[in-house]
Amino acid sequence: MLPVQLVLGVLYPFLAHAAGTRGGAWAALALADLVLLLLAGPLLERRWWALALLAALLAALAWGSGTVWLDLLLLAPPVLFTAWLAWFFARSLRPGRSPLVTRIVTALYAQAGWQMPDGLPAYARRLTAGWAGLLGFLAVANAALALCAVPGGVLHAFGIAPPVAVPHSAWSWFANLLNYGLVGGFMLGEYQYRKRRFPRRPYRNGLDFARRMAALGPAFWRDLLR
């Protein structure tokens, strides 16, 4: 990931939360950040189509600033992103494929020239299923809250009374901030458990783990995304 993409990605949930709790032009700013995040690569390569698309999208956001349509658009990213990640983990569990976490762990041990300890492949498969389950739950929860948020939820926007009215600010806290806390908590708890379960590891700590993950190289990550 490019540094500019990392900065834009970190900024987005805070801008989206400001839009969800304060309204006004924050929705347009959050969506502009998302547009820049998605187009950062081709923009830095000076692709003409990316520049044209950026100009058109920013103009559309400026035109729609302060309208309910931008608020509705902001409901989608938390649902789509977590659903995509859940599918990404789950599809690797299908027969004939290698579980996602298994592929990463195998590469890390091969990178260090170590053999995988007994029980780790089965654990990696269960962990892949655990990630798919957590992210699938978040996608469903985000969708349910987006439907029932009042004001600004999908049902409310189309004049339908939701079965349970959820304050829009509650949706924003959950979808834009708490999601990341739950994912981070799961990641941290699993890492602490893994340290006790498999004490011989080809990395010293969390920072070394991240460094070795990055050192697997672009070719590995491109192949993983297929």
C-alpha atoms as a PDB file:
ATOM      1  CA  MET A   1       0.000   0.000   0.000  1.00  0.00           C
ATOM      2  CA  LEU A   2       1.278   3.463  -0.897  1.00  0.00           C
ATOM      3  CA  PRO A   3       1.867   5.875   2.043  1.00  0.00           C
ATOM      4  CA  VAL A   4      -0.756   8.267   0.661  1.00  0.00           C
ATOM      5  CA  GLN A   5      -3.285   5.420   0.553  1.00  0.00           C
ATOM      6  CA  LEU A   6      -2.471   4.556   4.166  1.00  0.00           C
ATOM      7  CA  VAL A   7      -3.081   8.154   5.274  1.00  0.00           C
ATOM      8  CA  LEU A   8      -6.342   8.381   3.314  1.00  0.00           C
ATOM      9  CA  GLY A   9      -7.475   5.017   4.690  1.00  0.00           C
ATOM     10  CA  VAL A  10      -6.813   6.096   8.279  1.00  0.00           C
ATOM     11  CA  LEU A  11      -8.618   9.407   7.743  1.00  0.00           C
ATOM     12  CA  TYR A  12     -11.741   7.921   6.168  1.00  0.00           C
ATOM     13  CA  PRO A  13     -13.487   6.417   9.237  1.00  0.00           C
ATOM     14  CA  PHE A  14     -13.031   9.649  11.200  1.00  0.00           C
ATOM     15  CA  LEU A  15     -14.392  11.761   8.349  1.00  0.00           C
ATOM     16  CA  ALA A  16     -17.278   9.326   7.900  1.00  0.00           C
ATOM     17  CA  HIS A  17     -18.014   9.437  11.631  1.00  0.00           C
ATOM     18  CA  ALA A  18     -18.009  13.242  11.560  1.00  0.00           C
ATOM     19  CA  ALA A  19     -20.494  13.032   8.691  1.00  0.00           C
ATOM     20  CA  GLY A  20     -22.645  10.591  10.646  1.00  0.00           C
ATOM     21  CA  THR A  21     -22.748  12.715  13.788  1.00  0.00           C
ATOM     22  CA  ARG A  22     -22.483  16.301  12.484  1.00  0.00           C
ATOM     23  CA  GLY A  23     -23.953  16.161   8.976  1.00  0.00           C
ATOM     24  CA  GLY A  24     -23.410  19.071   6.613  1.00  0.00           C
ATOM     25  CA  ALA A  25     -20.470  18.976   4.219  1.00  0.00           C
ATOM     26  CA  TRP A  26     -18.703  16.191   6.123  1.00  0.00           C
ATOM     27  CA  ALA A  27     -20.355  13.529   3.950  1.00  0.00           C
ATOM     28  CA  ALA A  28     -18.905  15.074   0.804  1.00  0.00           C
ATOM     29  CA  LEU A  29     -15.458  15.299   2.450  1.00  0.00           C
ATOM     30  CA  ALA A  30     -15.574  11.660   3.576  1.00  0.00           C
ATOM     31  CA  LEU A  31     -16.622  10.450   0.131  1.00  0.00           C
ATOM     32  CA  ALA A  32     -13.960  12.630  -1.518  1.00  0.00           C
ATOM     33  CA  ASP A  33     -11.382  10.957   0.716  1.00  0.00           C
ATOM     34  CA  LEU A  34     -12.705   7.553  -0.376  1.00  0.00           C
ATOM     35  CA  VAL A  35     -12.534   8.548  -4.052  1.00  0.00           C
ATOM     36  CA  LEU A  36      -8.918   9.683  -3.631  1.00  0.00           C
ATOM     37  CA  LEU A  37      -8.094   6.437  -1.789  1.00  0.00           C
ATOM     38  CA  LEU A  38      -9.469   4.292  -4.604  1.00  0.00           C
ATOM     39  CA  LEU A  39      -7.835   6.354  -7.365  1.00  0.00           C
ATOM     40  CA  ALA A  40      -4.512   7.086  -5.616  1.00  0.00           C
ATOM     41  CA  GLY A  41      -2.534   4.506  -7.593  1.00  0.00           C
ATOM     42  CA  PRO A  42      -3.512   5.574 -11.121  1.00  0.00           C
ATOM     43  CA  LEU A  43      -3.496   9.256 -10.122  1.00  0.00           C
ATOM     44  CA  LEU A  44       0.145   9.028  -9.034  1.00  0.00           C
ATOM     45  CA  GLU A  45       0.863   7.337 -12.360  1.00  0.00           C
ATOM     46  CA  ARG A  46      -0.808  10.310 -14.090  1.00  0.00           C
ATOM     47  CA  ARG A  47      -3.391   8.232 -15.908  1.00  0.00           C
ATOM     48  CA  TRP A  48      -5.665  10.605 -17.813  1.00  0.00           C
ATOM     49  CA  TRP A  49      -8.786   8.548 -17.191  1.00  0.00           C
ATOM     50  CA  ALA A  50      -8.176   8.687 -13.427  1.00  0.00           C
ATOM     51  CA  LEU A  51      -7.836  12.476 -13.536  1.00  0.00           C
ATOM     52  CA  ALA A  52     -11.033  12.777 -15.578  1.00  0.00           C
ATOM     53  CA  LEU A  53     -12.915  10.418 -13.267  1.00  0.00           C
ATOM     54  CA  LEU A  54     -11.645  12.274 -10.186  1.00  0.00           C
ATOM     55  CA  ALA A  55     -12.811  15.606 -11.586  1.00  0.00           C
ATOM     56  CA  ALA A  56     -16.262  14.208 -12.454  1.00  0.00           C
ATOM     57  CA  LEU A  57     -16.733  12.547  -9.062  1.00  0.00           C
ATOM     58  CA  LEU A  58     -15.583  15.576  -7.080  1.00  0.00           C
ATOM     59  CA  ALA A  59     -17.944  17.755  -9.096  1.00  0.00           C
ATOM     60  CA  ALA A  60     -20.795  15.344  -8.353  1.00  0.00           C
ATOM     61  CA  LEU A  61     -19.957  15.387  -4.640  1.00  0.00           C
ATOM     62  CA  ALA A  62     -19.869  19.190  -4.589  1.00  0.00           C
ATOM     63  CA  TRP A  63     -23.239  19.289  -6.346  1.00  0.00           C
ATOM     64  CA  GLY A  64     -24.756  16.776  -3.935  1.00  0.00           C
ATOM     65  CA  SER A  65     -23.230  18.211  -0.760  1.00  0.00           C
ATOM     66  CA  GLY A  66     -25.795  18.522   2.008  1.00  0.00           C
ATOM     67  CA  THR A  67     -28.325  16.222   0.339  1.00  0.00           C
ATOM     68  CA  VAL A  68     -29.679  12.943   1.682  1.00  0.00           C
ATOM     69  CA  TRP A  69     -28.103  11.041  -1.209  1.00  0.00           C
ATOM     70  CA  LEU A  70     -24.570  11.478   0.065  1.00  0.00           C
ATOM     71  CA  ASP A  71     -25.676  10.340   3.510  1.00  0.00           C
ATOM     72  CA  LEU A  72     -27.138   7.214   1.889  1.00  0.00           C
ATOM     73  CA  LEU A  73     -23.911   6.579  -0.003  1.00  0.00           C
ATOM     74  CA  LEU A  74     -21.974   6.655   3.268  1.00  0.00           C
ATOM     75  CA  LEU A  75     -24.055   3.741   4.544  1.00  0.00           C
ATOM     76  CA  ALA A  76     -22.618   1.443   1.884  1.00  0.00           C
ATOM     77  CA  PRO A  77     -18.805   1.262   2.452  1.00  0.00           C
ATOM     78  CA  PRO A  78     -18.904  -0.446   5.895  1.00  0.00           C
ATOM     79  CA  VAL A  79     -21.289  -3.088   4.536  1.00  0.00           C
ATOM     80  CA  LEU A  80     -19.495  -3.661   1.223  1.00  0.00           C
ATOM     81  CA  PHE A  81     -15.983  -3.681   2.705  1.00  0.00           C
ATOM     82  CA  THR A  82     -16.682  -6.145   5.513  1.00  0.00           C
ATOM     83  CA  ALA A  83     -18.792  -8.334   3.193  1.00  0.00           C
ATOM     84  CA  TRP A  84     -15.979  -8.421   0.633  1.00  0.00           C
ATOM     85  CA  LEU A  85     -13.409  -9.358   3.276  1.00  0.00           C
ATOM     86  CA  ALA A  86     -15.705 -12.059   4.687  1.00  0.00           C
ATOM     87  CA  TRP A  87     -16.154 -13.510   1.198  1.00  0.00           C
ATOM     88  CA  PHE A  88     -12.396 -13.288   0.609  1.00  0.00           C
ATOM     89  CA  PHE A  89     -11.654 -15.409   3.694  1.00  0.00           C
ATOM     90  CA  ALA A  90     -14.604 -17.763   3.176  1.00  0.00           C
ATOM     91  CA  ARG A  91     -13.860 -18.558  -0.473  1.00  0.00           C
ATOM     92  CA  SER A  92     -10.419 -19.893   0.497  1.00  0.00           C
ATOM     93  CA  LEU A  93     -12.147 -22.579   2.597  1.00  0.00           C
ATOM     94  CA  ARG A  94     -13.797 -24.158  -0.442  1.00  0.00           C
ATOM     95  CA  PRO A  95     -12.623 -27.643  -1.495  1.00  0.00           C
ATOM     96  CA  GLY A  96      -9.531 -27.506  -3.656  1.00  0.00           C
ATOM     97  CA  ARG A  97      -8.301 -24.192  -2.218  1.00  0.00           C
ATOM     98  CA  SER A  98      -5.811 -23.458   0.543  1.00  0.00           C
ATOM     99  CA  PRO A  99      -7.182 -21.429   3.489  1.00  0.00           C
ATOM    100  CA  LEU A 100      -6.010 -17.836   3.428  1.00  0.00           C
ATOM    101  CA  VAL A 101      -4.276 -17.867   6.809  1.00  0.00           C
ATOM    102  CA  THR A 102      -2.625 -21.203   5.961  1.00  0.00           C
ATOM    103  CA  ARG A 103      -1.053 -19.686   2.846  1.00  0.00           C
ATOM    104  CA  ILE A 104       0.289 -16.722   4.805  1.00  0.00           C
ATOM    105  CA  VAL A 105       1.649 -18.841   7.654  1.00  0.00           C
ATOM    106  CA  THR A 106       3.228 -21.315   5.232  1.00  0.00           C
ATOM    107  CA  ALA A 107       4.977 -18.449   3.429  1.00  0.00           C
ATOM    108  CA  LEU A 108       6.272 -16.957   6.698  1.00  0.00           C
ATOM    109  CA  TYR A 109       7.739 -20.259   7.864  1.00  0.00           C
ATOM    110  CA  ALA A 110       9.224 -20.942   4.415  1.00  0.00           C
ATOM    111  CA  GLN A 111      10.738 -17.447   4.427  1.00  0.00           C
ATOM    112  CA  ALA A 112      12.562 -18.311   7.670  1.00  0.00           C
ATOM    113  CA  GLY A 113      13.485 -21.811   6.475  1.00  0.00           C
ATOM    114  CA  TRP A 114      11.468 -23.429   9.257  1.00  0.00           C
ATOM    115  CA  GLN A 115       9.041 -26.313   9.249  1.00  0.00           C
ATOM    116  CA  MET A 116       5.503 -25.635  10.417  1.00  0.00           C
ATOM    117  CA  PRO A 117       4.777 -27.125  13.865  1.00  0.00           C
ATOM    118  CA  ASP A 118       2.198 -29.870  14.308  1.00  0.00           C
ATOM    119  CA  GLY A 119      -1.305 -28.556  14.622  1.00  0.00           C
ATOM    120  CA  LEU A 120      -0.615 -25.196  12.977  1.00  0.00           C
ATOM    121  CA  PRO A 121      -2.230 -25.987   9.576  1.00  0.00           C
ATOM    122  CA  ALA A 122      -5.476 -27.065  11.279  1.00  0.00           C
ATOM    123  CA  TYR A 123      -5.350 -24.000  13.533  1.00  0.00           C
ATOM    124  CA  ALA A 124      -4.783 -21.734  10.528  1.00  0.00           C
ATOM    125  CA  ARG A 125      -7.845 -23.194   8.823  1.00  0.00           C
ATOM    126  CA  ARG A 126      -9.996 -22.589  11.899  1.00  0.00           C
ATOM    127  CA  LEU A 127      -8.634 -19.053  12.147  1.00  0.00           C
ATOM    128  CA  THR A 128      -9.550 -18.403   8.514  1.00  0.00           C
ATOM    129  CA  ALA A 129     -13.096 -19.551   9.313  1.00  0.00           C
ATOM    130  CA  GLY A 130     -13.076 -17.345  12.428  1.00  0.00           C
ATOM    131  CA  TRP A 131     -12.149 -14.267  10.395  1.00  0.00           C
ATOM    132  CA  ALA A 132     -14.832 -15.082   7.823  1.00  0.00           C
ATOM    133  CA  GLY A 133     -17.414 -15.431  10.599  1.00  0.00           C
ATOM    134  CA  LEU A 134     -16.450 -12.201  12.389  1.00  0.00           C
ATOM    135  CA  LEU A 135     -16.394 -10.145   9.196  1.00  0.00           C
ATOM    136  CA  GLY A 136     -19.639 -11.709   7.996  1.00  0.00           C
ATOM    137  CA  PHE A 137     -21.271 -10.771  11.310  1.00  0.00           C
ATOM    138  CA  LEU A 138     -20.028  -7.196  10.973  1.00  0.00           C
ATOM    139  CA  ALA A 139     -21.361  -6.970   7.410  1.00  0.00           C
ATOM    140  CA  VAL A 140     -24.816  -8.145   8.521  1.00  0.00           C
ATOM    141  CA  ALA A 141     -24.800  -5.846  11.568  1.00  0.00           C
ATOM    142  CA  ASN A 142     -23.713  -2.870   9.477  1.00  0.00           C
ATOM    143  CA  ALA A 143     -26.465  -3.585   6.950  1.00  0.00           C
ATOM    144  CA  ALA A 144     -29.136  -3.926   9.638  1.00  0.00           C
ATOM    145  CA  LEU A 145     -28.104  -0.664  11.311  1.00  0.00           C
ATOM    146  CA  ALA A 146     -27.966   1.114   7.938  1.00  0.00           C
ATOM    147  CA  LEU A 147     -31.518   0.008   7.232  1.00  0.00           C
ATOM    148  CA  CYS A 148     -32.854   1.056  10.630  1.00  0.00           C
ATOM    149  CA  ALA A 149     -30.946   4.289  11.278  1.00  0.00           C
ATOM    150  CA  VAL A 150     -33.166   7.298  12.009  1.00  0.00           C
ATOM    151  CA  PRO A 151     -32.769   9.790  10.496  1.00  0.00           C
ATOM    152  CA  GLY A 152     -30.850   9.013   7.313  1.00  0.00           C
ATOM    153  CA  GLY A 153     -31.204   5.232   7.185  1.00  0.00           C
ATOM    154  CA  VAL A 154     -32.325   3.447   4.036  1.00  0.00           C
ATOM    155  CA  LEU A 155     -35.877   2.720   5.214  1.00  0.00           C
ATOM    156  CA  HIS A 156     -36.339   6.167   6.747  1.00  0.00           C
ATOM    157  CA  ALA A 157     -35.091   7.874   3.573  1.00  0.00           C
ATOM    158  CA  PHE A 158     -37.787   6.129   1.545  1.00  0.00           C
ATOM    159  CA  GLY A 159     -40.569   6.891   4.022  1.00  0.00           C
ATOM    160  CA  ILE A 160     -40.721   3.438   5.626  1.00  0.00           C
ATOM    161  CA  ALA A 161     -40.785   3.124   9.402  1.00  0.00           C
ATOM    162  CA  PRO A 162     -38.042   0.693  10.474  1.00  0.00           C
ATOM    163  CA  PRO A 163     -39.029  -2.144  12.852  1.00  0.00           C
ATOM    164  CA  VAL A 164     -36.455  -0.818  15.342  1.00  0.00           C
ATOM    165  CA  ALA A 165     -35.351   2.806  15.161  1.00  0.00           C
ATOM    166  CA  VAL A 166     -31.583   3.155  15.672  1.00  0.00           C
ATOM    167  CA  PRO A 167     -30.109   6.645  16.210  1.00  0.00           C
ATOM    168  CA  HIS A 168     -27.963   7.640  13.246  1.00  0.00           C
ATOM    169  CA  SER A 169     -25.116   8.444  15.610  1.00  0.00           C
ATOM    170  CA  ALA A 170     -25.246   4.869  16.959  1.00  0.00           C
ATOM    171  CA  TRP A 171     -24.901   3.538  13.414  1.00  0.00           C
ATOM    172  CA  SER A 172     -21.914   5.814  12.861  1.00  0.00           C
ATOM    173  CA  TRP A 173     -20.141   4.794  16.079  1.00  0.00           C
ATOM    174  CA  PHE A 174     -20.548   1.129  15.216  1.00  0.00           C
ATOM    175  CA  ALA A 175     -19.935   1.158  11.460  1.00  0.00           C
ATOM    176  CA  ASN A 176     -17.187   3.774  11.273  1.00  0.00           C
ATOM    177  CA  LEU A 177     -15.268   3.197  14.510  1.00  0.00           C
ATOM    178  CA  LEU A 178     -16.307   0.177  16.570  1.00  0.00           C
ATOM    179  CA  ASN A 179     -15.875  -2.162  13.602  1.00  0.00           C
ATOM    180  CA  TYR A 180     -12.155  -1.413  13.619  1.00  0.00           C
ATOM    181  CA  GLY A 181     -11.998  -1.861  17.384  1.00  0.00           C
ATOM    182  CA  LEU A 182     -13.604  -5.302  17.154  1.00  0.00           C
ATOM    183  CA  VAL A 183     -11.276  -6.357  14.338  1.00  0.00           C
ATOM    184  CA  GLY A 184      -8.251  -5.018  16.215  1.00  0.00           C
ATOM    185  CA  GLY A 185      -9.346  -6.709  19.446  1.00  0.00           C
ATOM    186  CA  PHE A 186      -9.839 -10.029  17.691  1.00  0.00           C
ATOM    187  CA  MET A 187      -6.432  -9.687  16.043  1.00  0.00           C
ATOM    188  CA  LEU A 188      -4.688  -8.826  19.314  1.00  0.00           C
ATOM    189  CA  GLY A 189      -6.425 -11.576  21.296  1.00  0.00           C
ATOM    190  CA  GLU A 190      -5.652 -14.193  18.649  1.00  0.00           C
ATOM    191  CA  TYR A 191      -2.002 -13.095  18.521  1.00  0.00           C
ATOM    192  CA  GLN A 192      -1.621 -13.433  22.291  1.00  0.00           C
ATOM    193  CA  TYR A 193      -3.221 -16.896  22.200  1.00  0.00           C
ATOM    194  CA  ARG A 194      -1.034 -17.952  19.260  1.00  0.00           C
ATOM    195  CA  LYS A 195       2.104 -16.947  21.166  1.00  0.00           C
ATOM    196  CA  ARG A 196       1.230 -19.452  23.909  1.00  0.00           C
ATOM    197  CA  ARG A 197      -0.083 -22.161  21.583  1.00  0.00           C
ATOM    198  CA  PHE A 198       2.879 -22.042  19.174  1.00  0.00           C
ATOM    199  CA  PRO A 199       5.843 -20.596  21.107  1.00  0.00           C
ATOM    200  CA  ARG A 200       8.377 -21.262  18.307  1.00  0.00           C
ATOM    201  CA  ARG A 201       7.579 -18.656  15.677  1.00  0.00           C
ATOM    202  CA  PRO A 202       9.614 -17.098  12.829  1.00  0.00           C
ATOM    203  CA  TYR A 203       9.014 -13.575  14.211  1.00  0.00           C
ATOM    204  CA  ARG A 204       9.872 -11.958  17.533  1.00  0.00           C
ATOM    205  CA  ASN A 205       6.903  -9.657  18.130  1.00  0.00           C
ATOM    206  CA  GLY A 206       4.032  -7.895  16.435  1.00  0.00           C
ATOM    207  CA  LEU A 207       6.254  -5.361  14.667  1.00  0.00           C
ATOM    208  CA  ASP A 208       8.568  -8.080  13.381  1.00  0.00           C
ATOM    209  CA  PHE A 209       5.501 -10.033  12.241  1.00  0.00           C
ATOM    210  CA  ALA A 210       4.284  -7.021  10.243  1.00  0.00           C
ATOM    211  CA  ARG A 211       7.758  -6.495   8.779  1.00  0.00           C
ATOM    212  CA  ARG A 212       8.033 -10.116   7.670  1.00  0.00           C
ATOM    213  CA  MET A 213       4.519  -9.975   6.205  1.00  0.00           C
ATOM    214  CA  ALA A 214       5.557  -6.976   4.096  1.00  0.00           C
ATOM    215  CA  ALA A 215       8.772  -8.746   3.122  1.00  0.00           C
ATOM    216  CA  LEU A 216       6.771 -11.514   1.432  1.00  0.00           C
ATOM    217  CA  GLY A 217       6.654  -9.123  -1.494  1.00  0.00           C
ATOM    218  CA  PRO A 218       4.126  -7.788  -4.001  1.00  0.00           C
ATOM    219  CA  ALA A 219       4.079 -10.984  -6.059  1.00  0.00           C
ATOM    220  CA  PHE A 220       2.908 -13.041  -3.068  1.00  0.00           C
ATOM    221  CA  TRP A 221       0.139 -10.584  -2.187  1.00  0.00           C
ATOM    222  CA  ARG A 222      -1.024 -10.299  -5.799  1.00  0.00           C
ATOM    223  CA  ASP A 223      -1.260 -14.083  -6.009  1.00  0.00           C
ATOM    224  CA  LEU A 224      -3.109 -14.177  -2.683  1.00  0.00           C
ATOM    225  CA  LEU A 225      -5.745 -11.768  -4.001  1.00  0.00           C
ATOM    226  CA  ARG A 226      -6.609 -13.979  -6.986  1.00  0.00           C
END
